[in-house]
Amino acid sequence: MTTMVDRTEHLHGRPDWDCRTCQQPWPCANAKANLLVEFRKFPSVLTIYLSAQMYDAMGDLTSHGEPMPTDLYDRFLTWARHA
């Protein structure tokens, strides 16, 4: 007998950059935990990936003349550097 676990992906939605699953600002807590596991052997690659995601989010979130969100660095990078 095989048991399958339903793993819900916590991915970002564009252009608002909220999690498609829990509607929290992405990366949400679940996305962070999943990313830390996925990139555990390659923390520098995680930083590069998150930097690219932050750059895309910056473009999306300011595309209609909105001011730059002040929390993007903390939201995308600070947590990954200390893990």
Protein backbone atom coordinates (compact mmCIF):
# COMPACT_ATOMS: atom_id res chain seq x y z
CA MET A 1 0.00 0.00 0.00
CA THR A 2 1.37 3.41 -0.98
CA THR A 3 0.43 6.63 0.76
CA MET A 4 0.75 9.85 -1.16
CA VAL A 5 1.16 13.14 0.63
CA ASP A 6 -0.36 16.16 -1.05
CA ARG A 7 2.38 18.78 -1.06
CA THR A 8 0.99 22.23 -1.64
CA GLU A 9 3.29 24.55 -3.53
CA HIS A 10 3.57 28.04 -2.09
CA LEU A 11 4.40 29.97 -5.25
CA HIS A 12 4.20 33.67 -5.96
CA GLY A 13 1.45 35.21 -8.03
CA ARG A 14 2.21 38.06 -10.37
CA PRO A 15 1.89 41.00 -10.40
CA ASP A 16 0.96 41.26 -6.70
CA TRP A 17 3.65 38.88 -5.36
CA ASP A 18 1.35 37.26 -2.84
CA CYS A 19 1.43 33.49 -2.30
CA ARG A 20 -1.08 31.72 -4.53
CA THR A 21 -1.90 29.28 -1.72
CA CYS A 22 -2.10 31.32 1.49
CA GLN A 23 -2.32 34.87 0.07
CA GLN A 24 0.50 36.10 2.33
CA PRO A 25 3.32 38.25 0.90
CA TRP A 26 5.67 35.92 -0.98
CA PRO A 27 7.90 34.35 0.10
CA CYS A 28 5.48 33.28 2.82
CA ALA A 29 6.61 31.23 5.82
CA ASN A 30 5.91 27.94 3.99
CA ALA A 31 7.77 29.07 0.87
CA LYS A 32 10.75 30.09 2.99
CA ALA A 33 10.83 26.70 4.72
CA ASN A 34 10.56 24.88 1.38
CA LEU A 35 13.27 27.01 -0.22
CA LEU A 36 15.65 26.45 2.70
CA VAL A 37 15.23 22.69 2.30
CA GLU A 38 15.51 22.79 -1.49
CA PHE A 39 18.68 24.92 -1.48
CA ARG A 40 20.23 23.61 1.77
CA LYS A 41 23.42 22.49 0.03
CA PHE A 42 23.66 25.61 -2.12
CA PRO A 43 22.89 28.70 0.01
CA SER A 44 24.63 31.06 -2.42
CA VAL A 45 22.36 29.83 -5.23
CA LEU A 46 19.36 30.55 -2.99
CA THR A 47 20.58 34.11 -2.55
CA ILE A 48 21.01 34.52 -6.31
CA TYR A 49 17.55 33.07 -6.95
CA LEU A 50 15.91 35.31 -4.36
CA SER A 51 17.76 38.37 -5.69
CA ALA A 52 16.34 37.70 -9.15
CA GLN A 53 12.86 37.22 -7.70
CA MET A 54 13.19 40.49 -5.76
CA TYR A 55 14.20 42.31 -8.93
CA ASP A 56 11.13 40.94 -10.76
CA ALA A 57 8.88 41.85 -7.82
CA MET A 58 10.30 45.36 -7.77
CA GLY A 59 9.38 45.80 -11.42
CA ASP A 60 5.87 44.39 -11.00
CA LEU A 61 5.08 46.28 -7.80
CA THR A 62 6.15 49.65 -9.24
CA SER A 63 4.90 49.17 -12.81
CA HIS A 64 1.94 51.53 -12.42
CA GLY A 65 3.78 54.36 -10.68
CA GLU A 66 3.50 52.99 -7.15
CA PRO A 67 6.33 53.86 -4.77
CA MET A 68 9.01 51.24 -4.18
CA PRO A 69 8.06 48.95 -1.28
CA THR A 70 10.49 49.52 1.57
CA ASP A 71 10.47 45.93 2.83
CA LEU A 72 11.65 44.04 -0.25
CA TYR A 73 15.21 43.40 0.96
CA ASP A 74 14.00 42.02 4.28
CA ARG A 75 11.17 40.13 2.61
CA PHE A 76 13.37 38.40 0.02
CA LEU A 77 16.93 38.22 1.34
CA THR A 78 17.53 38.88 5.03
CA TRP A 79 15.98 35.64 6.26
CA ALA A 80 17.94 33.50 3.79
CA ARG A 81 21.31 34.89 4.80
CA HIS A 82 20.85 33.92 8.45
CA ALA A 83 19.56 30.42 7.84
